[in-house]
Amino acid sequence: MNQMKKWYLVKTKTSNENVAVKNLENQGYTVYCPFCEINKKKYTLFPGYLFIYLDNQTENWSPIRSTKGVINLVKFGNNFAQVSDSLIAFIRSNEYLTREKINNLDRLECGEKVQITDGIFKNCIAIFKSFKSDERVILLLKIMGQQHSINIKKNSVIRI
């Protein structure tokens, strides 16, 4: 394994992560764009960004900026934003866990804790009560000290 290779952060054009990945891979670069799939739709976990594995001694970085879908490599001052191997490993393991939490929603049982992922209750923890339909669930959410029942889209919830 080449010790000179490191992960760097790439800024992509809005909603062009897949285009950037495809075009960078076609040029022989190793890239990683974490995602999860909800209802057969692919969502990027870091919208507008992806990771690229580069050797700063031997690889030609100049084509990256002109690659379709890419804006530029992210820099802090004069230095390119490096991402540690351990952080990439952590993201990869959590990408898998996120997929599992989302894919197992159909097996939720009354009383299980869930996290709301969007809308006005984003990041709130609630208790699963029941399925309302194929697309919606009923949750119990504590608001101002009292428990309230809310009806929310199933794809706005992950198991915790």
N, C-alpha and C. Protein backbone atom coordinates (compact mmCIF):
# COMPACT_ATOMS: atom_id res chain seq x y z
N MET A 1 0.85 -1.19 0.00
CA MET A 1 0.00 0.00 0.00
C MET A 1 0.88 1.24 0.00
N ASN A 2 0.55 2.16 -0.84
CA ASN A 2 1.32 3.40 -0.97
C ASN A 2 0.99 4.33 0.19
N GLN A 3 2.01 4.67 0.97
CA GLN A 3 1.80 5.52 2.15
C GLN A 3 1.57 6.98 1.80
N MET A 4 1.82 7.38 0.56
CA MET A 4 1.66 8.78 0.17
C MET A 4 0.19 9.11 -0.14
N LYS A 5 -0.61 8.09 -0.33
CA LYS A 5 -2.02 8.35 -0.67
C LYS A 5 -2.80 8.77 0.56
N LYS A 6 -3.63 9.76 0.37
CA LYS A 6 -4.48 10.28 1.44
C LYS A 6 -5.85 10.61 0.85
N TRP A 7 -6.84 10.70 1.72
CA TRP A 7 -8.18 11.11 1.31
C TRP A 7 -8.27 12.63 1.36
N TYR A 8 -8.91 13.21 0.35
CA TYR A 8 -9.12 14.65 0.28
C TYR A 8 -10.60 14.90 -0.01
N LEU A 9 -11.03 16.11 0.28
CA LEU A 9 -12.43 16.49 0.12
C LEU A 9 -12.63 17.26 -1.18
N VAL A 10 -13.63 16.86 -1.95
CA VAL A 10 -13.96 17.51 -3.22
C VAL A 10 -15.34 18.15 -3.11
N LYS A 11 -15.45 19.41 -3.54
CA LYS A 11 -16.74 20.11 -3.62
C LYS A 11 -17.32 19.84 -5.00
N THR A 12 -18.58 19.39 -5.02
CA THR A 12 -19.24 19.10 -6.30
C THR A 12 -20.32 20.14 -6.58
N LYS A 13 -20.74 20.18 -7.82
CA LYS A 13 -21.86 21.05 -8.19
C LYS A 13 -23.12 20.48 -7.54
N THR A 14 -24.08 21.33 -7.27
CA THR A 14 -25.32 20.93 -6.60
C THR A 14 -25.96 19.73 -7.30
N SER A 15 -26.23 18.70 -6.52
CA SER A 15 -26.88 17.46 -6.99
C SER A 15 -26.11 16.77 -8.11
N ASN A 16 -24.81 16.99 -8.19
CA ASN A 16 -23.99 16.37 -9.24
C ASN A 16 -22.96 15.39 -8.67
N GLU A 17 -23.17 14.90 -7.47
CA GLU A 17 -22.22 13.98 -6.87
C GLU A 17 -22.03 12.74 -7.74
N ASN A 18 -23.12 12.17 -8.25
CA ASN A 18 -23.02 10.95 -9.06
C ASN A 18 -22.29 11.21 -10.37
N VAL A 19 -22.53 12.38 -10.97
CA VAL A 19 -21.85 12.76 -12.21
C VAL A 19 -20.35 12.87 -11.95
N ALA A 20 -19.99 13.54 -10.85
CA ALA A 20 -18.58 13.71 -10.49
C ALA A 20 -17.92 12.36 -10.22
N VAL A 21 -18.58 11.48 -9.47
CA VAL A 21 -18.04 10.16 -9.17
C VAL A 21 -17.75 9.41 -10.46
N LYS A 22 -18.73 9.35 -11.34
CA LYS A 22 -18.59 8.61 -12.60
C LYS A 22 -17.43 9.15 -13.43
N ASN A 23 -17.35 10.47 -13.56
CA ASN A 23 -16.31 11.07 -14.39
C ASN A 23 -14.92 10.96 -13.75
N LEU A 24 -14.83 11.07 -12.44
CA LEU A 24 -13.54 10.89 -11.76
C LEU A 24 -13.07 9.44 -11.86
N GLU A 25 -13.99 8.49 -11.66
CA GLU A 25 -13.64 7.08 -11.77
C GLU A 25 -13.21 6.74 -13.20
N ASN A 26 -13.87 7.35 -14.20
CA ASN A 26 -13.48 7.12 -15.60
C ASN A 26 -12.06 7.59 -15.88
N GLN A 27 -11.57 8.53 -15.07
CA GLN A 27 -10.20 9.02 -15.22
C GLN A 27 -9.21 8.23 -14.36
N GLY A 28 -9.70 7.22 -13.65
CA GLY A 28 -8.84 6.35 -12.87
C GLY A 28 -8.67 6.74 -11.41
N TYR A 29 -9.40 7.74 -10.94
CA TYR A 29 -9.31 8.14 -9.54
C TYR A 29 -10.17 7.23 -8.66
N THR A 30 -9.75 7.07 -7.41
CA THR A 30 -10.54 6.34 -6.41
C THR A 30 -11.35 7.37 -5.64
N VAL A 31 -12.68 7.21 -5.66
CA VAL A 31 -13.56 8.17 -4.99
C VAL A 31 -14.53 7.44 -4.08
N TYR A 32 -15.06 8.17 -3.13
CA TYR A 32 -16.04 7.62 -2.18
C TYR A 32 -17.09 8.69 -1.92
N CYS A 33 -18.33 8.33 -2.19
CA CYS A 33 -19.46 9.24 -1.97
C CYS A 33 -20.50 8.49 -1.13
N PRO A 34 -20.51 8.70 0.20
CA PRO A 34 -21.44 7.97 1.06
C PRO A 34 -22.90 8.29 0.72
N PHE A 35 -23.73 7.26 0.74
CA PHE A 35 -25.15 7.45 0.43
C PHE A 35 -26.00 6.46 1.21
N CYS A 36 -27.29 6.74 1.21
CA CYS A 36 -28.25 5.75 1.69
C CYS A 36 -29.41 5.74 0.71
N GLU A 37 -30.17 4.68 0.75
CA GLU A 37 -31.29 4.52 -0.17
C GLU A 37 -32.58 4.48 0.63
N ILE A 38 -33.52 5.34 0.28
CA ILE A 38 -34.82 5.38 0.93
C ILE A 38 -35.88 5.25 -0.16
N ASN A 39 -36.72 4.25 -0.02
CA ASN A 39 -37.78 3.99 -1.01
C ASN A 39 -37.22 3.98 -2.42
N LYS A 40 -36.13 3.23 -2.62
CA LYS A 40 -35.48 3.04 -3.92
C LYS A 40 -34.90 4.33 -4.51
N LYS A 41 -34.78 5.39 -3.69
CA LYS A 41 -34.15 6.62 -4.14
C LYS A 41 -32.86 6.81 -3.36
N LYS A 42 -31.79 7.13 -4.09
CA LYS A 42 -30.45 7.27 -3.51
C LYS A 42 -30.26 8.70 -2.99
N TYR A 43 -29.84 8.82 -1.72
CA TYR A 43 -29.58 10.12 -1.11
C TYR A 43 -28.12 10.18 -0.69
N THR A 44 -27.44 11.26 -1.07
CA THR A 44 -26.05 11.47 -0.67
C THR A 44 -26.03 11.93 0.78
N LEU A 45 -25.16 11.33 1.59
CA LEU A 45 -25.10 11.69 3.01
C LEU A 45 -24.41 13.04 3.24
N PHE A 46 -23.54 13.44 2.32
CA PHE A 46 -22.88 14.75 2.40
C PHE A 46 -23.13 15.49 1.09
N PRO A 47 -24.33 16.06 0.93
CA PRO A 47 -24.65 16.72 -0.35
C PRO A 47 -23.62 17.78 -0.71
N GLY A 48 -23.16 17.72 -1.96
CA GLY A 48 -22.20 18.69 -2.46
C GLY A 48 -20.75 18.32 -2.22
N TYR A 49 -20.52 17.13 -1.64
CA TYR A 49 -19.14 16.72 -1.34
C TYR A 49 -18.93 15.24 -1.64
N LEU A 50 -17.68 14.89 -1.92
CA LEU A 50 -17.26 13.51 -2.00
C LEU A 50 -15.79 13.44 -1.61
N PHE A 51 -15.29 12.25 -1.43
CA PHE A 51 -13.91 12.05 -1.01
C PHE A 51 -13.13 11.42 -2.16
N ILE A 52 -11.87 11.83 -2.31
CA ILE A 52 -11.01 11.29 -3.36
C ILE A 52 -9.69 10.87 -2.73
N TYR A 53 -9.17 9.72 -3.18
CA TYR A 53 -7.95 9.13 -2.62
C TYR A 53 -6.80 9.43 -3.58
N LEU A 54 -5.87 10.28 -3.14
CA LEU A 54 -4.82 10.78 -4.03
C LEU A 54 -3.43 10.68 -3.43
N ASP A 55 -2.47 10.55 -4.32
CA ASP A 55 -1.06 10.62 -3.95
C ASP A 55 -0.55 11.99 -4.35
N ASN A 56 -0.10 12.78 -3.39
CA ASN A 56 0.32 14.14 -3.71
C ASN A 56 1.71 14.19 -4.33
N GLN A 57 2.38 13.04 -4.43
CA GLN A 57 3.72 13.00 -5.05
C GLN A 57 3.66 12.58 -6.52
N THR A 58 2.82 11.61 -6.84
CA THR A 58 2.88 11.01 -8.17
C THR A 58 1.66 11.25 -9.05
N GLU A 59 0.51 11.58 -8.48
CA GLU A 59 -0.69 11.73 -9.30
C GLU A 59 -0.87 13.15 -9.80
N ASN A 60 -1.44 13.26 -10.99
CA ASN A 60 -1.75 14.55 -11.59
C ASN A 60 -3.13 14.98 -11.10
N TRP A 61 -3.17 16.06 -10.31
CA TRP A 61 -4.43 16.54 -9.75
C TRP A 61 -5.13 17.54 -10.67
N SER A 62 -4.43 18.06 -11.64
CA SER A 62 -5.01 19.16 -12.45
C SER A 62 -6.31 18.79 -13.17
N PRO A 63 -6.51 17.55 -13.64
CA PRO A 63 -7.78 17.25 -14.32
C PRO A 63 -9.00 17.27 -13.40
N ILE A 64 -8.79 17.18 -12.10
CA ILE A 64 -9.91 17.07 -11.16
C ILE A 64 -10.82 18.29 -11.26
N ARG A 65 -10.23 19.50 -11.23
CA ARG A 65 -11.02 20.74 -11.26
C ARG A 65 -11.88 20.87 -12.51
N SER A 66 -11.40 20.34 -13.64
CA SER A 66 -12.16 20.48 -14.88
C SER A 66 -13.07 19.29 -15.15
N THR A 67 -13.17 18.38 -14.20
CA THR A 67 -14.04 17.22 -14.34
C THR A 67 -15.50 17.64 -14.21
N LYS A 68 -16.33 17.14 -15.11
CA LYS A 68 -17.76 17.46 -15.08
C LYS A 68 -18.35 17.03 -13.73
N GLY A 69 -19.06 17.97 -13.09
CA GLY A 69 -19.69 17.71 -11.80
C GLY A 69 -18.87 18.22 -10.62
N VAL A 70 -17.59 18.52 -10.84
CA VAL A 70 -16.69 18.97 -9.77
C VAL A 70 -16.55 20.48 -9.81
N ILE A 71 -16.56 21.12 -8.63
CA ILE A 71 -16.24 22.54 -8.54
C ILE A 71 -14.74 22.69 -8.28
N ASN A 72 -14.25 22.02 -7.20
CA ASN A 72 -12.84 22.13 -6.86
C ASN A 72 -12.53 21.22 -5.68
N LEU A 73 -11.26 21.04 -5.42
CA LEU A 73 -10.84 20.41 -4.17
C LEU A 73 -10.99 21.45 -3.07
N VAL A 74 -11.44 21.04 -1.90
CA VAL A 74 -11.63 21.95 -0.77
C VAL A 74 -10.25 22.26 -0.17
N LYS A 75 -10.06 23.54 0.14
CA LYS A 75 -8.79 23.98 0.74
C LYS A 75 -9.07 24.75 2.02
N PHE A 76 -8.13 24.64 2.95
CA PHE A 76 -8.10 25.49 4.14
C PHE A 76 -6.84 26.31 4.01
N GLY A 77 -6.98 27.57 3.65
CA GLY A 77 -5.82 28.40 3.36
C GLY A 77 -5.15 27.87 2.11
N ASN A 78 -3.87 27.54 2.22
CA ASN A 78 -3.13 27.00 1.07
C ASN A 78 -3.10 25.48 1.03
N ASN A 79 -3.71 24.83 2.02
CA ASN A 79 -3.64 23.37 2.12
C ASN A 79 -4.95 22.71 1.72
N PHE A 80 -4.82 21.63 0.96
CA PHE A 80 -6.01 20.86 0.60
C PHE A 80 -6.55 20.15 1.83
N ALA A 81 -7.88 20.09 1.94
CA ALA A 81 -8.53 19.48 3.11
C ALA A 81 -8.32 17.97 3.09
N GLN A 82 -7.49 17.49 4.02
CA GLN A 82 -7.22 16.06 4.15
C GLN A 82 -8.21 15.44 5.12
N VAL A 83 -8.58 14.21 4.84
CA VAL A 83 -9.49 13.47 5.70
C VAL A 83 -8.77 12.19 6.11
N SER A 84 -8.73 11.92 7.41
CA SER A 84 -7.99 10.75 7.90
C SER A 84 -8.65 9.44 7.47
N ASP A 85 -7.82 8.41 7.34
CA ASP A 85 -8.33 7.08 7.01
C ASP A 85 -9.32 6.61 8.06
N SER A 86 -9.07 6.95 9.34
CA SER A 86 -9.96 6.51 10.41
C SER A 86 -11.35 7.17 10.28
N LEU A 87 -11.38 8.44 9.84
CA LEU A 87 -12.67 9.10 9.64
C LEU A 87 -13.43 8.47 8.48
N ILE A 88 -12.73 8.14 7.40
CA ILE A 88 -13.37 7.47 6.25
C ILE A 88 -13.92 6.12 6.71
N ALA A 89 -13.16 5.38 7.50
CA ALA A 89 -13.63 4.08 8.02
C ALA A 89 -14.87 4.27 8.88
N PHE A 90 -14.88 5.31 9.72
CA PHE A 90 -16.03 5.60 10.58
C PHE A 90 -17.26 5.93 9.72
N ILE A 91 -17.09 6.75 8.69
CA ILE A 91 -18.20 7.12 7.80
C ILE A 91 -18.71 5.87 7.09
N ARG A 92 -17.80 5.04 6.60
CA ARG A 92 -18.22 3.80 5.90
C ARG A 92 -19.05 2.91 6.82
N SER A 93 -18.62 2.73 8.06
CA SER A 93 -19.37 1.86 8.98
C SER A 93 -20.72 2.47 9.33
N ASN A 94 -20.76 3.78 9.49
CA ASN A 94 -22.03 4.43 9.80
C ASN A 94 -22.94 4.54 8.59
N GLU A 95 -22.37 4.58 7.39
CA GLU A 95 -23.18 4.55 6.17
C GLU A 95 -23.97 3.24 6.14
N TYR A 96 -23.29 2.14 6.45
CA TYR A 96 -23.95 0.83 6.49
C TYR A 96 -25.02 0.80 7.58
N LEU A 97 -24.69 1.31 8.78
CA LEU A 97 -25.65 1.32 9.88
C LEU A 97 -26.87 2.17 9.55
N THR A 98 -26.65 3.31 8.88
CA THR A 98 -27.76 4.18 8.48
C THR A 98 -28.68 3.43 7.51
N ARG A 99 -28.09 2.73 6.54
CA ARG A 99 -28.89 1.94 5.59
C ARG A 99 -29.72 0.90 6.33
N GLU A 100 -29.08 0.20 7.28
CA GLU A 100 -29.78 -0.83 8.03
C GLU A 100 -30.94 -0.26 8.83
N LYS A 101 -30.72 0.89 9.48
CA LYS A 101 -31.79 1.53 10.26
C LYS A 101 -32.96 1.90 9.38
N ILE A 102 -32.67 2.39 8.18
CA ILE A 102 -33.73 2.80 7.27
C ILE A 102 -34.43 1.58 6.68
N ASN A 103 -33.65 0.58 6.27
CA ASN A 103 -34.24 -0.60 5.64
C ASN A 103 -35.07 -1.44 6.60
N ASN A 104 -34.82 -1.32 7.90
CA ASN A 104 -35.55 -2.12 8.87
C ASN A 104 -36.78 -1.42 9.44
N LEU A 105 -37.19 -0.31 8.86
CA LEU A 105 -38.34 0.42 9.38
C LEU A 105 -39.62 -0.41 9.36
N ASP A 106 -39.75 -1.31 8.40
CA ASP A 106 -40.98 -2.12 8.31
C ASP A 106 -41.12 -3.07 9.49
N ARG A 107 -40.04 -3.26 10.24
CA ARG A 107 -40.09 -4.17 11.38
C ARG A 107 -40.15 -3.42 12.71
N LEU A 108 -40.50 -2.15 12.67
CA LEU A 108 -40.62 -1.38 13.91
C LEU A 108 -41.73 -1.97 14.78
N GLU A 109 -41.51 -1.93 16.08
CA GLU A 109 -42.51 -2.40 17.01
C GLU A 109 -42.91 -1.27 17.94
N CYS A 110 -44.14 -1.32 18.41
CA CYS A 110 -44.67 -0.30 19.30
C CYS A 110 -43.72 -0.11 20.49
N GLY A 111 -43.38 1.15 20.77
CA GLY A 111 -42.52 1.47 21.90
C GLY A 111 -41.06 1.70 21.53
N GLU A 112 -40.66 1.37 20.29
CA GLU A 112 -39.27 1.58 19.88
C GLU A 112 -38.98 3.06 19.66
N LYS A 113 -37.74 3.45 19.97
CA LYS A 113 -37.32 4.84 19.76
C LYS A 113 -36.91 5.04 18.31
N VAL A 114 -37.28 6.20 17.77
CA VAL A 114 -36.90 6.59 16.41
C VAL A 114 -36.44 8.05 16.43
N GLN A 115 -35.72 8.43 15.39
CA GLN A 115 -35.31 9.82 15.23
C GLN A 115 -35.96 10.36 13.97
N ILE A 116 -36.48 11.57 14.06
CA ILE A 116 -37.11 12.23 12.91
C ILE A 116 -36.00 12.94 12.13
N THR A 117 -35.97 12.73 10.80
CA THR A 117 -34.85 13.21 9.99
C THR A 117 -35.13 14.47 9.19
N ASP A 118 -36.37 14.93 9.14
CA ASP A 118 -36.63 16.20 8.46
C ASP A 118 -37.93 16.83 8.96
N GLY A 119 -38.21 18.02 8.46
CA GLY A 119 -39.42 18.73 8.88
C GLY A 119 -39.20 19.51 10.16
N ILE A 120 -40.29 20.00 10.74
CA ILE A 120 -40.17 20.86 11.92
C ILE A 120 -39.68 20.10 13.16
N PHE A 121 -39.81 18.78 13.15
CA PHE A 121 -39.36 17.98 14.29
C PHE A 121 -38.01 17.29 14.02
N LYS A 122 -37.27 17.78 13.01
CA LYS A 122 -35.98 17.18 12.64
C LYS A 122 -35.09 17.03 13.87
N ASN A 123 -34.46 15.85 13.97
CA ASN A 123 -33.54 15.46 15.05
C ASN A 123 -34.23 15.16 16.38
N CYS A 124 -35.55 15.28 16.45
CA CYS A 124 -36.26 14.93 17.68
C CYS A 124 -36.36 13.41 17.80
N ILE A 125 -36.33 12.96 19.04
CA ILE A 125 -36.50 11.53 19.33
C ILE A 125 -37.97 11.32 19.70
N ALA A 126 -38.55 10.26 19.12
CA ALA A 126 -39.96 9.96 19.37
C ALA A 126 -40.10 8.46 19.62
N ILE A 127 -41.29 8.06 20.00
CA ILE A 127 -41.62 6.65 20.23
C ILE A 127 -42.56 6.20 19.11
N PHE A 128 -42.20 5.08 18.47
CA PHE A 128 -43.06 4.53 17.43
C PHE A 128 -44.33 3.97 18.06
N LYS A 129 -45.49 4.37 17.49
CA LYS A 129 -46.77 3.87 18.00
C LYS A 129 -47.35 2.85 17.04
N SER A 130 -47.48 3.23 15.74
CA SER A 130 -48.07 2.29 14.78
C SER A 130 -47.86 2.77 13.35
N PHE A 131 -48.14 1.87 12.41
CA PHE A 131 -48.13 2.23 10.99
C PHE A 131 -49.51 2.76 10.65
N LYS A 132 -49.56 3.88 9.93
CA LYS A 132 -50.84 4.43 9.49
C LYS A 132 -51.17 3.90 8.08
N SER A 133 -50.15 3.84 7.22
CA SER A 133 -50.29 3.32 5.86
C SER A 133 -48.91 2.85 5.42
N ASP A 134 -48.75 2.50 4.14
CA ASP A 134 -47.44 2.10 3.64
C ASP A 134 -46.43 3.25 3.72
N GLU A 135 -46.92 4.48 3.67
CA GLU A 135 -46.04 5.64 3.59
C GLU A 135 -45.95 6.45 4.89
N ARG A 136 -46.82 6.19 5.88
CA ARG A 136 -46.87 7.04 7.08
C ARG A 136 -46.85 6.20 8.36
N VAL A 137 -46.37 6.85 9.42
CA VAL A 137 -46.34 6.21 10.74
C VAL A 137 -46.90 7.19 11.77
N ILE A 138 -47.34 6.63 12.90
CA ILE A 138 -47.80 7.46 14.01
C ILE A 138 -46.76 7.33 15.11
N LEU A 139 -46.30 8.49 15.59
CA LEU A 139 -45.28 8.54 16.63
C LEU A 139 -45.81 9.28 17.84
N LEU A 140 -45.24 8.99 18.99
CA LEU A 140 -45.52 9.74 20.20
C LEU A 140 -44.32 10.65 20.45
N LEU A 141 -44.59 11.95 20.57
CA LEU A 141 -43.53 12.93 20.74
C LEU A 141 -43.86 13.80 21.94
N LYS A 142 -42.87 13.99 22.81
CA LYS A 142 -43.07 14.81 23.99
C LYS A 142 -42.86 16.27 23.59
N ILE A 143 -43.91 17.07 23.72
CA ILE A 143 -43.85 18.50 23.40
C ILE A 143 -44.35 19.26 24.62
N MET A 144 -43.49 20.15 25.13
CA MET A 144 -43.82 20.97 26.30
C MET A 144 -44.31 20.11 27.47
N GLY A 145 -43.60 19.00 27.69
CA GLY A 145 -43.89 18.16 28.84
C GLY A 145 -45.05 17.19 28.66
N GLN A 146 -45.74 17.24 27.52
CA GLN A 146 -46.87 16.34 27.29
C GLN A 146 -46.63 15.51 26.04
N GLN A 147 -47.09 14.27 26.07
CA GLN A 147 -46.92 13.38 24.94
C GLN A 147 -48.05 13.59 23.94
N HIS A 148 -47.66 13.83 22.67
CA HIS A 148 -48.62 14.04 21.60
C HIS A 148 -48.40 13.01 20.50
N SER A 149 -49.48 12.65 19.85
CA SER A 149 -49.42 11.71 18.74
C SER A 149 -49.26 12.53 17.46
N ILE A 150 -48.25 12.18 16.64
CA ILE A 150 -48.07 12.86 15.36
C ILE A 150 -48.05 11.85 14.23
N ASN A 151 -48.50 12.27 13.08
CA ASN A 151 -48.58 11.46 11.88
C ASN A 151 -47.49 12.00 10.94
N ILE A 152 -46.53 11.14 10.53
CA ILE A 152 -45.38 11.61 9.77
C ILE A 152 -45.04 10.61 8.66
N LYS A 153 -44.37 11.10 7.62
CA LYS A 153 -43.94 10.22 6.52
C LYS A 153 -42.94 9.20 7.06
N LYS A 154 -43.11 7.95 6.66
CA LYS A 154 -42.24 6.87 7.14
C LYS A 154 -40.78 7.13 6.74
N ASN A 155 -40.55 7.74 5.57
CA ASN A 155 -39.17 7.95 5.14
C ASN A 155 -38.53 9.16 5.80
N SER A 156 -39.24 9.77 6.79
CA SER A 156 -38.67 10.86 7.59
C SER A 156 -38.24 10.38 8.97
N VAL A 157 -38.11 9.05 9.11
CA VAL A 157 -37.84 8.45 10.42
C VAL A 157 -36.75 7.40 10.26
N ILE A 158 -35.81 7.36 11.23
CA ILE A 158 -34.86 6.24 11.28
C ILE A 158 -34.90 5.63 12.68
N ARG A 159 -34.65 4.34 12.73
CA ARG A 159 -34.58 3.63 14.01
C ARG A 159 -33.28 4.03 14.71
N ILE A 160 -33.33 4.18 16.04
CA ILE A 160 -32.08 4.47 16.76
C ILE A 160 -31.79 3.38 17.78
